[in-house]
Amino acid sequence: MPAKSKAQQKAAGAALAAKRDEADMDDLFGASKGMVESMTEKELEELASTKRKRLPEKKTAKKG
């Protein structure tokens, strides 16, 4: 499953680093903290490896 925004891709990268013990869990906040607990390492790898070239900074909410 590819990331929907650059923010999601960055959060997944931070969560992946924490899951692999390459970063401290105390440094995480927001979505990345939740991702560590709810996603597998493989799922995080898929999100973090998404190419960022055509992704929006943040996903906008749909109206309606």
C-alpha atoms as a PDB file:
ATOM      1  CA  MET A   1       0.000   0.000   0.000  1.00  0.00           C
ATOM      2  CA  PRO A   2       1.696   3.215  -1.090  1.00  0.00           C
ATOM      3  CA  ALA A   3       1.674   6.351   1.032  1.00  0.00           C
ATOM      4  CA  LYS A   4      -0.979   8.953   0.190  1.00  0.00           C
ATOM      5  CA  SER A   5       1.137  11.983   1.161  1.00  0.00           C
ATOM      6  CA  LYS A   6       4.676  13.056   1.963  1.00  0.00           C
ATOM      7  CA  ALA A   7       3.677  13.479   5.606  1.00  0.00           C
ATOM      8  CA  GLN A   8       2.470   9.875   5.786  1.00  0.00           C
ATOM      9  CA  GLN A   9       5.660   8.644   4.107  1.00  0.00           C
ATOM     10  CA  LYS A  10       7.837  10.566   6.580  1.00  0.00           C
ATOM     11  CA  ALA A  11       5.845   9.299   9.570  1.00  0.00           C
ATOM     12  CA  ALA A  12       6.179   5.728   8.330  1.00  0.00           C
ATOM     13  CA  GLY A  13       9.944   6.162   7.978  1.00  0.00           C
ATOM     14  CA  ALA A  14      10.235   7.439  11.541  1.00  0.00           C
ATOM     15  CA  ALA A  15       8.051   4.600  12.842  1.00  0.00           C
ATOM     16  CA  LEU A  16      10.097   2.038  10.922  1.00  0.00           C
ATOM     17  CA  ALA A  17      13.332   3.359  12.419  1.00  0.00           C
ATOM     18  CA  ALA A  18      11.855   3.108  15.917  1.00  0.00           C
ATOM     19  CA  LYS A  19      10.527  -0.398  15.278  1.00  0.00           C
ATOM     20  CA  ARG A  20      14.033  -1.467  14.188  1.00  0.00           C
ATOM     21  CA  ASP A  21      15.549   0.177  17.304  1.00  0.00           C
ATOM     22  CA  GLU A  22      17.427   2.665  15.136  1.00  0.00           C
ATOM     23  CA  ALA A  23      15.578   5.573  16.772  1.00  0.00           C
ATOM     24  CA  ASP A  24      14.195   6.211  20.234  1.00  0.00           C
ATOM     25  CA  MET A  25      10.454   5.706  20.770  1.00  0.00           C
ATOM     26  CA  ASP A  26      10.421   8.811  22.973  1.00  0.00           C
ATOM     27  CA  ASP A  27      11.307  10.935  19.930  1.00  0.00           C
ATOM     28  CA  LEU A  28       8.124   9.915  18.094  1.00  0.00           C
ATOM     29  CA  PHE A  29       4.843  11.817  18.246  1.00  0.00           C
ATOM     30  CA  GLY A  30       1.523  11.928  16.448  1.00  0.00           C
ATOM     31  CA  ALA A  31       0.825   9.440  13.681  1.00  0.00           C
ATOM     32  CA  SER A  32       4.256   7.809  13.762  1.00  0.00           C
ATOM     33  CA  LYS A  33       3.767   6.733  17.388  1.00  0.00           C
ATOM     34  CA  GLY A  34       0.501   5.026  16.486  1.00  0.00           C
ATOM     35  CA  MET A  35       2.019   3.404  13.411  1.00  0.00           C
ATOM     36  CA  VAL A  36       4.699   1.640  15.462  1.00  0.00           C
ATOM     37  CA  GLU A  37       2.065  -0.031  17.596  1.00  0.00           C
ATOM     38  CA  SER A  38      -0.482  -0.876  14.901  1.00  0.00           C
ATOM     39  CA  MET A  39       1.583  -1.824  11.819  1.00  0.00           C
ATOM     40  CA  THR A  40       4.053  -4.564  10.973  1.00  0.00           C
ATOM     41  CA  GLU A  41       7.596  -3.828   9.847  1.00  0.00           C
ATOM     42  CA  LYS A  42       6.707  -4.932   6.306  1.00  0.00           C
ATOM     43  CA  GLU A  43       3.723  -2.537   6.146  1.00  0.00           C
ATOM     44  CA  LEU A  44       5.903   0.312   7.383  1.00  0.00           C
ATOM     45  CA  GLU A  45       8.561  -0.526   4.777  1.00  0.00           C
ATOM     46  CA  GLU A  46       5.953  -0.314   2.009  1.00  0.00           C
ATOM     47  CA  LEU A  47       4.744   3.098   3.164  1.00  0.00           C
ATOM     48  CA  ALA A  48       8.221   4.480   3.787  1.00  0.00           C
ATOM     49  CA  SER A  49       9.553   3.325   0.414  1.00  0.00           C
ATOM     50  CA  THR A  50       6.883   5.175  -1.592  1.00  0.00           C
ATOM     51  CA  LYS A  51       8.369   7.557  -4.134  1.00  0.00           C
ATOM     52  CA  ARG A  52       7.649  11.129  -3.037  1.00  0.00           C
ATOM     53  CA  LYS A  53       7.883  12.925  -6.367  1.00  0.00           C
ATOM     54  CA  ARG A  54       4.143  13.244  -7.089  1.00  0.00           C
ATOM     55  CA  LEU A  55       2.759  13.078  -3.561  1.00  0.00           C
ATOM     56  CA  PRO A  56       1.053  16.072  -1.962  1.00  0.00           C
ATOM     57  CA  GLU A  57       2.528  17.434   1.292  1.00  0.00           C
ATOM     58  CA  LYS A  58      -0.635  16.464   3.165  1.00  0.00           C
ATOM     59  CA  LYS A  59      -3.725  14.617   2.067  1.00  0.00           C
ATOM     60  CA  THR A  60      -6.727  16.904   1.927  1.00  0.00           C
ATOM     61  CA  ALA A  61     -10.052  15.810   3.355  1.00  0.00           C
ATOM     62  CA  LYS A  62     -12.863  15.229   0.891  1.00  0.00           C
ATOM     63  CA  LYS A  63     -15.944  17.371   1.345  1.00  0.00           C
ATOM     64  CA  GLY A  64     -19.395  15.913   1.132  1.00  0.00           C
END
